[in-house]
């Protein structure tokens, strides 16, 4: 991890402000979603990218009935059904 020398306090609602300079560096815009992970004793924030539930690819995702699929997996499933 790269230290950036910025310290922020958690407010009474559990929120933490991400400084504008970091948001710009990571290309985070208003309304973007973040994923939260715990690794060892660290909280990791990552910009959310929907991924295929079968192979994990994040390219050209299509959502069907609340599930994400990539075109390759859709083709493979379609071929097996025909």
N, C-alpha and C. Protein backbone atom coordinates (compact mmCIF):
# COMPACT_ATOMS: atom_id res chain seq x y z
N UNK A 1 0.83 -1.18 0.00
CA UNK A 1 0.00 0.00 0.00
C UNK A 1 0.87 1.24 0.00
N UNK A 2 0.38 2.25 -0.68
CA UNK A 2 1.12 3.51 -0.79
C UNK A 2 0.57 4.52 0.21
N UNK A 3 1.37 4.96 1.18
CA UNK A 3 0.88 5.97 2.13
C UNK A 3 0.72 7.32 1.45
N UNK A 4 -0.36 8.04 1.81
CA UNK A 4 -0.59 9.35 1.20
C UNK A 4 -0.53 10.48 2.23
N UNK A 5 -0.39 10.16 3.50
CA UNK A 5 -0.23 11.18 4.53
C UNK A 5 -1.49 11.95 4.86
N UNK A 6 -2.66 11.37 4.60
CA UNK A 6 -3.93 12.03 4.89
C UNK A 6 -4.62 11.25 6.00
N UNK A 7 -5.09 11.96 7.02
CA UNK A 7 -5.81 11.33 8.13
C UNK A 7 -7.20 11.94 8.18
N UNK A 8 -8.21 11.11 8.30
CA UNK A 8 -9.59 11.58 8.41
C UNK A 8 -10.26 10.89 9.59
N UNK A 9 -11.20 11.59 10.23
CA UNK A 9 -11.96 11.02 11.34
C UNK A 9 -13.28 10.46 10.82
N UNK A 10 -13.76 9.43 11.52
CA UNK A 10 -15.08 8.88 11.23
C UNK A 10 -16.10 9.76 11.94
N UNK A 11 -17.17 10.18 11.22
CA UNK A 11 -18.17 11.03 11.86
C UNK A 11 -19.17 10.17 12.65
N UNK A 12 -20.15 10.82 13.28
CA UNK A 12 -21.09 10.11 14.16
C UNK A 12 -21.97 9.11 13.40
N UNK A 13 -22.05 9.22 12.07
CA UNK A 13 -22.82 8.28 11.26
C UNK A 13 -21.94 7.20 10.62
N UNK A 14 -20.66 7.19 10.98
CA UNK A 14 -19.73 6.18 10.45
C UNK A 14 -19.14 6.52 9.10
N UNK A 15 -19.28 7.76 8.67
CA UNK A 15 -18.78 8.17 7.36
C UNK A 15 -17.35 8.68 7.44
N UNK A 16 -16.63 8.49 6.33
CA UNK A 16 -15.28 9.00 6.19
C UNK A 16 -15.22 9.77 4.87
N UNK A 17 -14.71 10.98 4.91
CA UNK A 17 -14.59 11.78 3.70
C UNK A 17 -13.35 11.36 2.93
N UNK A 18 -13.52 11.08 1.64
CA UNK A 18 -12.39 10.79 0.77
C UNK A 18 -12.00 12.11 0.11
N UNK A 19 -10.80 12.60 0.36
CA UNK A 19 -10.39 13.90 -0.18
C UNK A 19 -10.50 13.96 -1.71
N UNK A 20 -10.82 15.15 -2.21
CA UNK A 20 -11.01 15.36 -3.64
C UNK A 20 -9.77 14.93 -4.44
N UNK A 21 -8.58 15.21 -3.91
CA UNK A 21 -7.36 14.84 -4.63
C UNK A 21 -7.29 13.32 -4.85
N UNK A 22 -7.69 12.54 -3.85
CA UNK A 22 -7.70 11.08 -4.01
C UNK A 22 -8.80 10.63 -4.96
N UNK A 23 -9.98 11.26 -4.86
CA UNK A 23 -11.08 10.92 -5.78
C UNK A 23 -10.67 11.19 -7.22
N UNK A 24 -9.99 12.31 -7.45
CA UNK A 24 -9.52 12.63 -8.80
C UNK A 24 -8.48 11.62 -9.28
N UNK A 25 -7.54 11.29 -8.40
CA UNK A 25 -6.49 10.33 -8.75
C UNK A 25 -7.08 8.98 -9.14
N UNK A 26 -8.13 8.55 -8.44
CA UNK A 26 -8.75 7.24 -8.69
C UNK A 26 -9.93 7.32 -9.64
N UNK A 27 -10.19 8.49 -10.22
CA UNK A 27 -11.30 8.71 -11.15
C UNK A 27 -12.64 8.31 -10.53
N UNK A 28 -12.86 8.70 -9.27
CA UNK A 28 -14.13 8.45 -8.59
C UNK A 28 -15.03 9.66 -8.79
N UNK A 29 -16.24 9.41 -9.27
CA UNK A 29 -17.22 10.48 -9.52
C UNK A 29 -18.38 10.34 -8.53
N UNK A 30 -19.15 11.43 -8.37
CA UNK A 30 -20.35 11.37 -7.54
C UNK A 30 -21.24 10.23 -8.03
N UNK A 31 -21.71 9.42 -7.11
CA UNK A 31 -22.60 8.31 -7.46
C UNK A 31 -21.90 7.00 -7.75
N UNK A 32 -20.56 7.01 -7.90
CA UNK A 32 -19.83 5.74 -8.11
C UNK A 32 -19.99 4.85 -6.88
N UNK A 33 -19.99 3.56 -7.11
CA UNK A 33 -20.07 2.60 -6.01
C UNK A 33 -18.67 2.10 -5.65
N UNK A 34 -18.48 1.83 -4.36
CA UNK A 34 -17.22 1.28 -3.88
C UNK A 34 -17.47 -0.08 -3.24
N UNK A 35 -16.53 -0.99 -3.42
CA UNK A 35 -16.56 -2.28 -2.72
C UNK A 35 -15.65 -2.16 -1.52
N UNK A 36 -16.04 -2.77 -0.41
CA UNK A 36 -15.22 -2.77 0.80
C UNK A 36 -14.75 -4.18 1.08
N UNK A 37 -13.48 -4.31 1.41
CA UNK A 37 -12.87 -5.59 1.74
C UNK A 37 -12.11 -5.45 3.04
N UNK A 38 -11.96 -6.54 3.75
CA UNK A 38 -11.10 -6.58 4.92
C UNK A 38 -9.97 -7.55 4.61
N UNK A 39 -8.75 -7.07 4.77
CA UNK A 39 -7.57 -7.90 4.55
C UNK A 39 -6.65 -7.69 5.74
N UNK A 40 -6.39 -8.76 6.47
CA UNK A 40 -5.65 -8.67 7.73
C UNK A 40 -6.37 -7.67 8.63
N UNK A 41 -5.73 -6.58 8.97
CA UNK A 41 -6.35 -5.58 9.85
C UNK A 41 -6.60 -4.28 9.09
N UNK A 42 -6.83 -4.40 7.77
CA UNK A 42 -7.01 -3.23 6.91
C UNK A 42 -8.37 -3.25 6.24
N UNK A 43 -8.94 -2.07 6.05
CA UNK A 43 -10.15 -1.91 5.24
C UNK A 43 -9.69 -1.41 3.89
N UNK A 44 -10.11 -2.10 2.83
CA UNK A 44 -9.72 -1.74 1.48
C UNK A 44 -10.97 -1.30 0.72
N UNK A 45 -10.89 -0.13 0.09
CA UNK A 45 -11.96 0.38 -0.75
C UNK A 45 -11.52 0.24 -2.20
N UNK A 46 -12.43 -0.23 -3.05
CA UNK A 46 -12.11 -0.36 -4.47
C UNK A 46 -13.32 0.07 -5.29
N UNK A 47 -13.08 0.77 -6.36
CA UNK A 47 -14.17 1.17 -7.24
C UNK A 47 -14.87 -0.09 -7.75
N UNK A 48 -16.19 -0.12 -7.59
CA UNK A 48 -16.95 -1.31 -7.97
C UNK A 48 -17.07 -1.44 -9.47
N UNK A 49 -16.78 -2.63 -9.98
CA UNK A 49 -17.00 -2.96 -11.38
C UNK A 49 -17.80 -4.26 -11.40
N UNK A 50 -19.00 -4.22 -11.98
CA UNK A 50 -19.77 -5.47 -12.05
C UNK A 50 -19.00 -6.51 -12.86
N UNK A 51 -19.10 -7.76 -12.46
CA UNK A 51 -18.36 -8.83 -13.13
C UNK A 51 -19.28 -10.02 -13.37
N UNK A 52 -18.92 -10.82 -14.34
CA UNK A 52 -19.66 -12.03 -14.70
C UNK A 52 -19.68 -12.99 -13.50
N UNK A 53 -20.87 -13.52 -13.18
CA UNK A 53 -20.96 -14.43 -12.03
C UNK A 53 -20.36 -15.80 -12.32
N UNK A 54 -20.07 -16.08 -13.59
CA UNK A 54 -19.51 -17.38 -13.96
C UNK A 54 -17.99 -17.33 -14.02
N UNK A 55 -17.44 -16.37 -14.80
CA UNK A 55 -15.99 -16.36 -15.01
C UNK A 55 -15.27 -15.20 -14.33
N UNK A 56 -16.02 -14.19 -13.88
CA UNK A 56 -15.41 -13.06 -13.20
C UNK A 56 -14.95 -11.94 -14.11
N UNK A 57 -15.13 -12.07 -15.42
CA UNK A 57 -14.73 -11.01 -16.35
C UNK A 57 -15.57 -9.75 -16.11
N UNK A 58 -14.95 -8.58 -16.30
CA UNK A 58 -15.67 -7.31 -16.12
C UNK A 58 -15.87 -6.59 -17.44
N UNK A 59 -15.66 -7.27 -18.56
CA UNK A 59 -15.77 -6.63 -19.88
C UNK A 59 -17.15 -6.88 -20.49
N UNK A 60 -17.78 -5.80 -20.97
CA UNK A 60 -19.06 -5.86 -21.69
C UNK A 60 -20.14 -6.64 -20.94
N UNK A 61 -20.29 -6.35 -19.68
CA UNK A 61 -21.23 -7.08 -18.82
C UNK A 61 -22.68 -6.78 -19.20
N UNK A 62 -23.49 -7.83 -19.22
CA UNK A 62 -24.93 -7.73 -19.45
C UNK A 62 -25.62 -8.22 -18.18
N UNK A 63 -26.62 -7.47 -17.72
CA UNK A 63 -27.36 -7.88 -16.53
C UNK A 63 -28.68 -8.50 -16.96
N UNK A 64 -28.96 -9.71 -16.46
CA UNK A 64 -30.20 -10.42 -16.76
C UNK A 64 -30.78 -10.95 -15.47
N UNK A 65 -31.99 -10.49 -15.14
CA UNK A 65 -32.70 -10.89 -13.93
C UNK A 65 -31.82 -10.73 -12.69
N UNK A 66 -31.10 -9.60 -12.64
CA UNK A 66 -30.29 -9.27 -11.47
C UNK A 66 -28.95 -9.94 -11.39
N UNK A 67 -28.55 -10.66 -12.45
CA UNK A 67 -27.25 -11.33 -12.47
C UNK A 67 -26.42 -10.83 -13.64
N UNK A 68 -25.12 -10.72 -13.44
CA UNK A 68 -24.20 -10.21 -14.46
C UNK A 68 -23.55 -11.34 -15.23
N UNK A 69 -23.53 -11.19 -16.57
CA UNK A 69 -22.91 -12.18 -17.44
C UNK A 69 -22.06 -11.48 -18.49
N UNK A 70 -20.97 -12.13 -18.90
CA UNK A 70 -20.17 -11.61 -20.01
C UNK A 70 -20.65 -12.27 -21.30
N UNK A 71 -20.37 -11.66 -22.45
CA UNK A 71 -20.83 -12.23 -23.73
C UNK A 71 -20.32 -13.65 -23.99
N UNK A 72 -19.08 -13.95 -23.58
CA UNK A 72 -18.53 -15.30 -23.82
C UNK A 72 -19.33 -16.36 -23.07
N UNK A 73 -19.68 -16.08 -21.81
CA UNK A 73 -20.45 -17.05 -21.04
C UNK A 73 -21.88 -17.17 -21.56
N UNK A 74 -22.45 -16.07 -22.02
CA UNK A 74 -23.80 -16.12 -22.61
C UNK A 74 -23.78 -17.01 -23.85
N UNK A 75 -22.75 -16.84 -24.71
CA UNK A 75 -22.64 -17.69 -25.92
C UNK A 75 -22.48 -19.15 -25.54
N UNK A 76 -21.63 -19.43 -24.55
CA UNK A 76 -21.39 -20.82 -24.14
C UNK A 76 -22.66 -21.46 -23.58
N UNK A 77 -23.39 -20.72 -22.77
CA UNK A 77 -24.65 -21.23 -22.21
C UNK A 77 -25.66 -21.45 -23.32
N UNK A 78 -25.77 -20.49 -24.23
CA UNK A 78 -26.72 -20.60 -25.35
C UNK A 78 -26.42 -21.83 -26.21
N UNK A 79 -25.14 -22.07 -26.48
CA UNK A 79 -24.75 -23.23 -27.29
C UNK A 79 -25.13 -24.54 -26.63
N UNK A 80 -25.03 -24.60 -25.31
CA UNK A 80 -25.36 -25.84 -24.59
C UNK A 80 -26.86 -26.08 -24.52
N UNK A 81 -27.65 -24.99 -24.61
CA UNK A 81 -29.10 -25.12 -24.54
C UNK A 81 -29.71 -25.48 -25.89
N UNK A 82 -28.99 -25.25 -26.97
CA UNK A 82 -29.53 -25.52 -28.32
C UNK A 82 -29.24 -26.89 -28.79
